[in-house]
Amino acid sequence: MRLLIGLLLASQLARHVGADGFGQLSVAMATVAVLLCLGELGLTRYTVRLMMTSKRPDEVVLGMTVGARLIWSSVLFGILCVGLLVVRPASWLLLLIYGVQLMTNPITEVLCWFESKQRMAEVATAQFVGFFASAICIGLGIWYDAPLYFFAITYAVEGWTFLGLSWWWFHRSGGRIQLSAFRFDEAKDLVRQSWYEMASQLALILLFRVDAIMVGALCGSGEAGLYGASVRLSELVYFVPHILASLYLPRMIELRQSNPREYRSRMTDYFSLSLLVAGVCAVLLAFGSPLLGWVFGEEFKEGSRILEVHAWSFIPYAIGIARTQYLTVENRLWVNLPSVAGALILNVVLNWFWIPTYGGLGAAWATLVAYGFAWVVSSFFLPSVGRDVGVMLSQATKQLPRFVMLLIRQAWAVR
């Protein structure tokens, strides 16, 4: 529901502000997304683990993590403000509005409390209410012809509504945050443990966002708007691999303990299914790329060529999700970092050479190559992956025709 409503709103917003305005919003949001990732300090998983395993009260753990993130986020916000004063970019107001989220984002640590108590339904409700509030504001902004900066404020409205509701439920359930428990030495030790998680998240968010930032920097807001609209439509299917992962992961964990041989076979089937679903989605997106102008308006029609290329990035992305689930079961998730870091460097280099010549189309090709390296090529050549992923991926590709026929027979039998 959020994806479909979000796409509808994005298309109407793009028609309202034009390619240039949409590009400014996309670049500003992508830039601040990187800062927000830095501000998290990679603590989320550690906070949940501490609350579930530590003998310390939850309010003490939250006081430590919220305090650490609040200090670091304040530093990042200060750096952003100084940078805006020195550089004075045209979209400084958008960056400032989005950047204010740095000061409230540490409160997202209370979501770890809900997760540790297995009460994520309340978080999901708060997220949707926040999204709905933002959607109403965007609709009103379009109706009353609001200025560009208003639509940056709607992003803050979503975040603050979501956090406000989460905090209300947290407080109502007896949750507390004891900020007086914060200690610099303990915070340093905690960050020292979580640095890998922060590095992994940062590399990943940069891999996903650096293309939009570089298109805006090298070609201007208009081209960034075309690229942003293309990516927005392409990412409409990005939730599918996560659904497959949620269905397969618990079963894979159980099989690894009880039946290793069947576990290997089923994991290969999982890769085959991921390839099949990703291929179908990529074909639909690529052949449906001319619809971009119809969805976002004639001004965005030229972006259909970008979407036609970017659509194929979904295949290595889906493989990456499947690979991550396998590495999670095998307790080797750390090997994703060199793959993503290498892909990020490759993406930046290719963007630097291709964007000035080909614009957003060059960024789409760079993304396709980088994603392919991160989750396909590295699976065959990086020793840290153990090359077992490459073997399973090869087997999954070879058995794909048989796998498709098996699915067809099963579907026919059910009918």
Protein backbone atom coordinates (compact mmCIF):
# COMPACT_ATOMS: atom_id res chain seq x y z
CA MET A 1 0.00 0.00 0.00
CA ARG A 2 2.78 2.41 0.89
CA LEU A 3 4.64 1.70 -2.36
CA LEU A 4 1.58 2.21 -4.54
CA ILE A 5 0.36 5.32 -2.71
CA GLY A 6 3.92 6.64 -2.60
CA LEU A 7 4.34 6.15 -6.35
CA LEU A 8 1.05 7.95 -7.02
CA LEU A 9 2.09 10.87 -4.82
CA ALA A 10 5.58 10.98 -6.33
CA SER A 11 4.14 11.14 -9.84
CA GLN A 12 1.82 14.01 -8.91
CA LEU A 13 4.60 15.79 -7.04
CA ALA A 14 6.92 15.41 -10.05
CA ARG A 15 4.26 16.93 -12.32
CA HIS A 16 3.84 19.80 -9.84
CA VAL A 17 7.50 20.74 -9.28
CA GLY A 18 8.92 19.60 -12.62
CA ALA A 19 12.10 17.65 -13.32
CA ASP A 20 14.35 20.34 -11.82
CA GLY A 21 12.44 20.57 -8.54
CA PHE A 22 12.06 16.80 -8.29
CA GLY A 23 15.80 16.47 -8.85
CA GLN A 24 16.58 18.95 -6.07
CA LEU A 25 14.37 17.01 -3.65
CA SER A 26 15.89 13.66 -4.68
CA VAL A 27 19.50 14.82 -4.32
CA ALA A 28 18.88 16.56 -0.98
CA MET A 29 17.11 13.50 0.42
CA ALA A 30 19.86 11.16 -0.80
CA THR A 31 22.56 13.36 0.77
CA VAL A 32 20.87 13.52 4.17
CA ALA A 33 20.14 9.76 4.02
CA VAL A 34 23.91 9.20 4.12
CA LEU A 35 24.24 11.46 7.18
CA LEU A 36 21.34 9.69 8.91
CA CYS A 37 23.07 6.37 8.32
CA LEU A 38 26.26 7.76 9.88
CA GLY A 39 24.24 9.05 12.81
CA GLU A 40 22.94 5.57 13.63
CA LEU A 41 26.49 4.47 14.57
CA GLY A 42 25.52 0.91 13.59
CA LEU A 43 23.99 0.44 17.05
CA THR A 44 20.52 -0.90 16.20
CA ARG A 45 21.28 -4.63 16.31
CA TYR A 46 23.59 -4.18 19.30
CA THR A 47 20.88 -2.32 21.22
CA VAL A 48 18.40 -5.18 20.70
CA ARG A 49 21.02 -7.75 21.70
CA LEU A 50 22.00 -5.81 24.83
CA MET A 51 18.39 -5.49 25.98
CA MET A 52 17.80 -9.21 25.45
CA THR A 53 21.06 -10.53 26.94
CA SER A 54 22.44 -7.87 29.29
CA LYS A 55 21.54 -7.77 32.96
CA ARG A 56 21.25 -4.00 32.76
CA PRO A 57 17.75 -2.46 32.80
CA ASP A 58 16.38 -1.43 29.43
CA GLU A 59 16.32 2.25 30.40
CA VAL A 60 20.07 2.15 31.12
CA VAL A 61 20.86 0.52 27.77
CA LEU A 62 18.68 3.04 25.93
CA GLY A 63 20.22 5.91 27.87
CA MET A 64 23.65 4.81 26.67
CA THR A 65 22.74 4.31 23.01
CA VAL A 66 20.42 7.32 22.67
CA GLY A 67 23.02 9.53 24.37
CA ALA A 68 25.80 8.35 22.03
CA ARG A 69 23.68 8.85 18.93
CA LEU A 70 22.41 12.25 20.08
CA ILE A 71 25.96 13.57 20.58
CA TRP A 72 27.20 12.23 17.26
CA SER A 73 24.08 13.38 15.35
CA SER A 74 24.51 16.89 16.80
CA VAL A 75 28.08 16.92 15.51
CA LEU A 76 26.92 15.81 12.07
CA PHE A 77 24.18 18.45 12.01
CA GLY A 78 26.75 21.09 12.96
CA ILE A 79 29.04 19.93 10.13
CA LEU A 80 26.09 20.09 7.72
CA CYS A 81 25.24 23.67 8.78
CA VAL A 82 28.85 24.82 8.46
CA GLY A 83 29.09 23.13 5.05
CA LEU A 84 25.95 24.90 3.87
CA LEU A 85 27.34 28.26 5.01
CA VAL A 86 30.65 27.68 3.24
CA VAL A 87 29.45 26.08 -0.01
CA ARG A 88 26.04 27.81 -0.24
CA PRO A 89 24.40 25.33 -2.64
CA ALA A 90 21.19 26.29 -4.42
CA SER A 91 19.24 23.66 -2.47
CA TRP A 92 20.59 24.72 0.94
CA LEU A 93 17.12 25.15 2.44
CA LEU A 94 16.06 21.65 1.41
CA LEU A 95 19.24 20.17 2.88
CA LEU A 96 18.69 22.08 6.12
CA ILE A 97 15.08 20.94 6.46
CA TYR A 98 15.95 17.32 5.75
CA GLY A 99 19.00 17.63 8.02
CA VAL A 100 16.91 18.58 11.06
CA GLN A 101 15.95 14.90 11.15
CA LEU A 102 19.46 14.26 12.52
CA MET A 103 18.43 15.80 15.82
CA THR A 104 15.34 13.61 16.27
CA ASN A 105 16.59 10.40 14.66
CA PRO A 106 18.32 9.11 17.86
CA ILE A 107 14.84 8.52 19.31
CA THR A 108 14.46 5.65 16.83
CA GLU A 109 16.39 3.62 19.43
CA VAL A 110 13.04 3.08 21.19
CA LEU A 111 12.12 0.85 18.24
CA CYS A 112 14.76 -1.58 19.54
CA TRP A 113 12.75 -1.80 22.76
CA PHE A 114 9.64 -2.82 20.78
CA GLU A 115 11.67 -5.37 18.83
CA SER A 116 13.14 -6.89 21.99
CA LYS A 117 9.59 -7.22 23.38
CA GLN A 118 8.30 -8.64 20.07
CA ARG A 119 5.80 -5.80 19.68
CA MET A 120 6.64 -4.61 16.17
CA ALA A 121 2.97 -4.36 15.19
CA GLU A 122 2.78 -1.03 17.05
CA VAL A 123 5.84 0.22 15.17
CA ALA A 124 4.32 -0.78 11.84
CA THR A 125 1.13 1.08 12.75
CA ALA A 126 3.09 4.20 13.72
CA GLN A 127 5.03 4.04 10.44
CA PHE A 128 1.87 3.88 8.38
CA VAL A 129 0.21 6.71 10.32
CA GLY A 130 3.31 8.85 9.74
CA PHE A 131 3.28 8.01 6.04
CA PHE A 132 -0.44 8.81 5.84
CA ALA A 133 0.07 12.19 7.56
CA SER A 134 2.86 13.01 5.11
CA ALA A 135 0.70 11.91 2.17
CA ILE A 136 -2.09 14.28 3.25
CA CYS A 137 0.41 17.15 3.53
CA ILE A 138 1.83 16.41 0.07
CA GLY A 139 -1.68 16.32 -1.39
CA LEU A 140 -2.54 19.65 0.24
CA GLY A 141 0.76 21.13 -0.94
CA ILE A 142 0.03 20.17 -4.53
CA TRP A 143 -3.57 21.41 -4.29
CA TYR A 144 -2.54 24.82 -2.86
CA ASP A 145 0.56 25.16 -5.08
CA ALA A 146 3.02 25.13 -2.16
CA PRO A 147 6.69 26.09 -2.70
CA LEU A 148 9.38 23.43 -3.08
CA TYR A 149 10.64 23.60 0.51
CA PHE A 150 7.16 22.68 1.81
CA PHE A 151 7.54 19.18 0.37
CA ALA A 152 10.80 18.73 2.27
CA ILE A 153 8.85 19.58 5.43
CA THR A 154 6.36 16.79 4.65
CA TYR A 155 9.25 14.32 4.97
CA ALA A 156 9.91 15.66 8.46
CA VAL A 157 6.19 15.40 9.26
CA GLU A 158 6.31 11.69 8.42
CA GLY A 159 9.32 11.09 10.65
CA TRP A 160 8.05 13.14 13.58
CA THR A 161 4.57 11.59 13.48
CA PHE A 162 6.08 8.12 13.40
CA LEU A 163 8.50 8.87 16.25
CA GLY A 164 5.86 10.69 18.28
CA LEU A 165 3.45 7.75 18.17
CA SER A 166 6.24 5.27 18.88
CA TRP A 167 7.38 7.34 21.85
CA TRP A 168 3.81 7.62 23.16
CA TRP A 169 3.30 3.85 23.02
CA PHE A 170 6.74 3.30 24.52
CA HIS A 171 6.05 5.66 27.43
CA ARG A 172 2.52 4.33 27.92
CA SER A 173 3.92 0.76 28.17
CA GLY A 174 6.25 1.79 30.98
CA GLY A 175 9.35 2.34 28.86
CA ARG A 176 11.95 4.85 30.05
CA ILE A 177 15.25 6.31 28.82
CA GLN A 178 17.82 7.04 31.53
CA LEU A 179 20.15 9.53 29.86
CA SER A 180 22.08 9.92 33.12
CA ALA A 181 23.40 6.39 32.48
CA PHE A 182 25.50 7.66 29.57
CA ARG A 183 29.28 7.23 30.02
CA PHE A 184 31.81 8.28 27.40
CA ASP A 185 34.15 5.34 28.02
CA GLU A 186 31.34 2.79 27.74
CA ALA A 187 29.95 4.54 24.67
CA LYS A 188 33.37 4.37 22.99
CA ASP A 189 33.57 0.66 23.73
CA LEU A 190 30.07 0.13 22.30
CA VAL A 191 30.90 2.04 19.12
CA ARG A 192 34.14 0.06 18.83
CA GLN A 193 32.04 -3.11 18.71
CA SER A 194 29.53 -1.71 16.22
CA TRP A 195 31.96 -0.06 13.77
CA TYR A 196 31.68 -2.95 11.31
CA GLU A 197 27.90 -2.71 11.26
CA MET A 198 28.13 1.07 10.71
CA ALA A 199 30.69 0.61 7.91
CA SER A 200 28.49 -2.00 6.23
CA GLN A 201 25.37 0.15 6.43
CA LEU A 202 27.24 3.23 5.23
CA ALA A 203 28.77 1.41 2.25
CA LEU A 204 25.35 0.02 1.33
CA ILE A 205 23.49 3.34 1.61
CA LEU A 206 26.22 5.05 -0.42
CA LEU A 207 25.97 2.36 -3.08
CA PHE A 208 22.22 3.02 -3.29
CA ARG A 209 22.38 6.83 -3.15
CA VAL A 210 25.69 8.03 -4.60
CA ASP A 211 24.38 7.82 -8.18
CA ALA A 212 21.60 10.35 -7.53
CA ILE A 213 24.02 12.67 -5.73
CA MET A 214 26.59 12.49 -8.54
CA VAL A 215 24.00 13.01 -11.29
CA GLY A 216 22.86 16.17 -9.53
CA ALA A 217 26.44 17.38 -9.01
CA LEU A 218 27.67 16.63 -12.55
CA CYS A 219 24.58 17.25 -14.69
CA GLY A 220 22.26 19.46 -12.67
CA SER A 221 18.87 19.09 -11.03
CA GLY A 222 16.91 18.49 -14.23
CA GLU A 223 18.82 15.33 -15.13
CA ALA A 224 18.71 14.28 -11.47
CA GLY A 225 14.93 14.59 -11.63
CA LEU A 226 14.75 12.27 -14.64
CA TYR A 227 17.02 9.80 -12.91
CA GLY A 228 15.11 10.03 -9.62
CA ALA A 229 11.77 9.33 -11.32
CA SER A 230 13.23 6.33 -13.17
CA VAL A 231 14.71 4.86 -10.00
CA ARG A 232 11.47 5.48 -8.11
CA LEU A 233 9.52 3.41 -10.61
CA SER A 234 12.23 0.74 -10.77
CA GLU A 235 12.29 0.34 -6.99
CA LEU A 236 8.56 -0.44 -6.99
CA VAL A 237 9.42 -4.17 -7.03
CA TYR A 238 12.33 -4.06 -4.56
CA PHE A 239 10.14 -5.37 -1.74
CA VAL A 240 9.64 -8.75 -3.47
CA PRO A 241 13.04 -10.31 -2.54
CA HIS A 242 12.49 -9.30 1.08
CA ILE A 243 9.18 -11.21 1.13
CA LEU A 244 10.94 -14.29 -0.27
CA ALA A 245 13.66 -13.89 2.37
CA SER A 246 11.13 -13.71 5.21
CA LEU A 247 9.52 -16.92 3.92
CA TYR A 248 12.75 -18.86 3.43
CA LEU A 249 15.05 -17.72 6.26
CA PRO A 250 13.34 -19.45 9.26
CA ARG A 251 13.08 -22.72 7.32
CA MET A 252 16.73 -22.53 6.23
CA ILE A 253 17.91 -21.98 9.81
CA GLU A 254 15.94 -25.02 10.93
CA LEU A 255 17.14 -27.24 8.04
CA ARG A 256 20.79 -26.38 8.59
CA GLN A 257 20.54 -27.94 12.04
CA SER A 258 18.33 -30.91 11.22
CA ASN A 259 19.15 -31.89 7.62
CA PRO A 260 22.29 -30.27 6.11
CA ARG A 261 21.92 -32.09 2.78
CA GLU A 262 18.35 -30.95 2.21
CA TYR A 263 19.34 -27.50 3.46
CA ARG A 264 21.84 -27.16 0.62
CA SER A 265 19.27 -28.30 -1.93
CA ARG A 266 16.56 -25.96 -0.65
CA MET A 267 18.99 -23.05 -0.52
CA THR A 268 19.81 -23.66 -4.19
CA ASP A 269 16.05 -23.68 -4.90
CA TYR A 270 15.83 -20.34 -3.10
CA PHE A 271 18.46 -18.87 -5.44
CA SER A 272 16.58 -20.31 -8.44
CA LEU A 273 13.30 -18.78 -7.29
CA SER A 274 15.03 -15.43 -6.67
CA LEU A 275 16.50 -15.52 -10.20
CA LEU A 276 13.14 -16.40 -11.71
CA VAL A 277 11.15 -13.72 -9.89
CA ALA A 278 13.83 -11.07 -10.45
CA GLY A 279 14.04 -11.89 -14.15
CA VAL A 280 10.29 -11.58 -14.62
CA CYS A 281 10.17 -8.27 -12.72
CA ALA A 282 13.15 -6.88 -14.66
CA VAL A 283 11.57 -7.77 -18.01
CA LEU A 284 8.28 -6.13 -17.00
CA LEU A 285 10.07 -2.97 -15.85
CA ALA A 286 12.29 -2.77 -18.94
CA PHE A 287 9.45 -3.27 -21.42
CA GLY A 288 7.17 -1.01 -19.38
CA SER A 289 9.74 1.82 -19.32
CA PRO A 290 7.83 3.93 -21.91
CA LEU A 291 5.11 4.30 -19.26
CA LEU A 292 7.41 6.59 -17.27
CA GLY A 293 6.24 9.63 -19.22
CA TRP A 294 2.61 8.62 -18.69
CA VAL A 295 3.09 8.18 -14.91
CA PHE A 296 5.27 11.23 -14.19
CA GLY A 297 4.37 13.50 -17.10
CA GLU A 298 5.74 14.28 -20.56
CA GLU A 299 8.70 16.17 -19.08
CA PHE A 300 10.01 12.83 -17.74
CA LYS A 301 9.52 10.89 -20.97
CA GLU A 302 13.27 10.93 -21.75
CA GLY A 303 13.88 9.06 -18.50
CA SER A 304 12.41 5.88 -20.03
CA ARG A 305 15.87 5.00 -21.43
CA ILE A 306 17.29 5.26 -17.92
CA LEU A 307 14.58 2.97 -16.54
CA GLU A 308 15.16 0.49 -19.36
CA VAL A 309 18.74 -0.03 -18.14
CA HIS A 310 18.18 0.43 -14.40
CA ALA A 311 15.46 -2.25 -14.43
CA TRP A 312 18.07 -4.98 -14.98
CA SER A 313 19.85 -3.96 -11.76
CA PHE A 314 17.01 -5.68 -9.94
CA ILE A 315 18.41 -9.11 -10.85
CA PRO A 316 21.76 -8.74 -9.01
CA TYR A 317 19.93 -6.90 -6.21
CA ALA A 318 17.61 -9.90 -5.68
CA ILE A 319 20.60 -12.25 -5.79
CA GLY A 320 22.24 -10.05 -3.15
CA ILE A 321 19.24 -10.42 -0.83
CA ALA A 322 19.34 -14.22 -1.27
CA ARG A 323 23.09 -14.26 -0.69
CA THR A 324 22.69 -12.20 2.48
CA GLN A 325 20.18 -14.70 3.87
CA TYR A 326 22.59 -17.57 3.19
CA LEU A 327 25.47 -15.71 4.85
CA THR A 328 23.18 -14.90 7.80
CA VAL A 329 22.39 -18.60 8.32
CA GLU A 330 26.10 -19.43 7.98
CA ASN A 331 27.05 -16.62 10.40
CA ARG A 332 29.34 -15.05 7.80
CA LEU A 333 27.48 -11.82 7.16
CA TRP A 334 30.71 -9.82 7.52
CA VAL A 335 31.86 -10.92 4.04
CA ASN A 336 29.33 -8.56 2.46
CA LEU A 337 31.46 -5.56 3.45
CA PRO A 338 34.38 -6.06 1.00
CA SER A 339 31.90 -6.86 -1.79
CA VAL A 340 29.83 -3.73 -1.22
CA ALA A 341 32.88 -1.53 -0.61
CA GLY A 342 34.45 -2.69 -3.89
CA ALA A 343 31.18 -2.11 -5.73
CA LEU A 344 30.91 1.38 -4.24
CA ILE A 345 34.37 2.34 -5.48
CA LEU A 346 33.57 0.90 -8.91
CA ASN A 347 30.27 2.79 -9.01
CA VAL A 348 31.86 6.13 -8.14
CA VAL A 349 34.60 5.70 -10.77
CA LEU A 350 32.17 4.70 -13.51
CA ASN A 351 29.80 7.52 -12.55
CA TRP A 352 32.66 10.00 -12.75
CA PHE A 353 33.46 8.99 -16.34
CA TRP A 354 30.00 8.17 -17.68
CA ILE A 355 27.65 10.76 -16.13
CA PRO A 356 29.23 13.85 -17.79
CA THR A 357 28.82 12.16 -21.20
CA TYR A 358 25.64 10.12 -20.84
CA GLY A 359 23.87 11.77 -17.92
CA GLY A 360 21.43 9.63 -15.95
CA LEU A 361 21.80 6.80 -18.48
CA GLY A 362 25.48 6.55 -17.56
CA ALA A 363 24.55 6.36 -13.88
CA ALA A 364 22.07 3.55 -14.64
CA TRP A 365 24.78 1.54 -16.44
CA ALA A 366 27.20 2.20 -13.57
CA THR A 367 24.61 0.95 -11.09
CA LEU A 368 24.02 -2.22 -13.11
CA VAL A 369 27.77 -2.96 -13.29
CA ALA A 370 28.32 -2.16 -9.60
CA TYR A 371 25.39 -4.30 -8.39
CA GLY A 372 26.59 -7.13 -10.62
CA PHE A 373 30.04 -6.93 -9.07
CA ALA A 374 28.75 -6.65 -5.50
CA TRP A 375 26.50 -9.70 -5.49
CA VAL A 376 27.31 -11.83 -8.53
CA VAL A 377 30.95 -11.46 -9.65
CA SER A 378 32.33 -11.28 -6.10
CA SER A 379 30.53 -14.53 -5.26
CA PHE A 380 32.88 -16.37 -7.64
CA PHE A 381 36.18 -14.63 -6.93
CA LEU A 382 36.31 -13.28 -3.37
CA PRO A 383 37.90 -15.89 -1.09
CA SER A 384 36.02 -14.44 1.90
CA VAL A 385 32.73 -15.61 0.37
CA GLY A 386 34.20 -19.08 0.18
CA ARG A 387 33.00 -19.34 -3.43
CA ASP A 388 30.24 -21.64 -2.18
CA VAL A 389 27.74 -18.93 -3.07
CA GLY A 390 29.12 -18.94 -6.61
CA VAL A 391 28.69 -22.70 -6.82
CA MET A 392 25.08 -22.51 -5.62
CA LEU A 393 24.37 -19.63 -7.99
CA SER A 394 25.73 -21.67 -10.92
CA GLN A 395 23.64 -24.67 -9.89
CA ALA A 396 20.56 -22.47 -9.47
CA THR A 397 21.04 -21.04 -12.98
CA LYS A 398 21.51 -24.48 -14.56
CA GLN A 399 18.44 -25.93 -12.87
CA LEU A 400 16.26 -22.92 -13.66
CA PRO A 401 14.41 -24.53 -16.62
CA ARG A 402 13.70 -27.67 -14.56
CA PHE A 403 12.69 -25.48 -11.63
CA VAL A 404 10.23 -23.53 -13.80
CA MET A 405 8.67 -26.76 -15.09
CA LEU A 406 8.36 -28.03 -11.51
CA LEU A 407 6.54 -24.86 -10.47
CA ILE A 408 4.20 -25.16 -13.46
CA ARG A 409 3.39 -28.79 -12.61
CA GLN A 410 2.75 -27.92 -8.97
CA ALA A 411 0.50 -25.02 -9.96
CA TRP A 412 -1.41 -27.29 -12.35
CA ALA A 413 -1.79 -29.95 -9.64
CA VAL A 414 -3.22 -27.37 -7.22
CA ARG A 415 -5.66 -26.27 -9.92
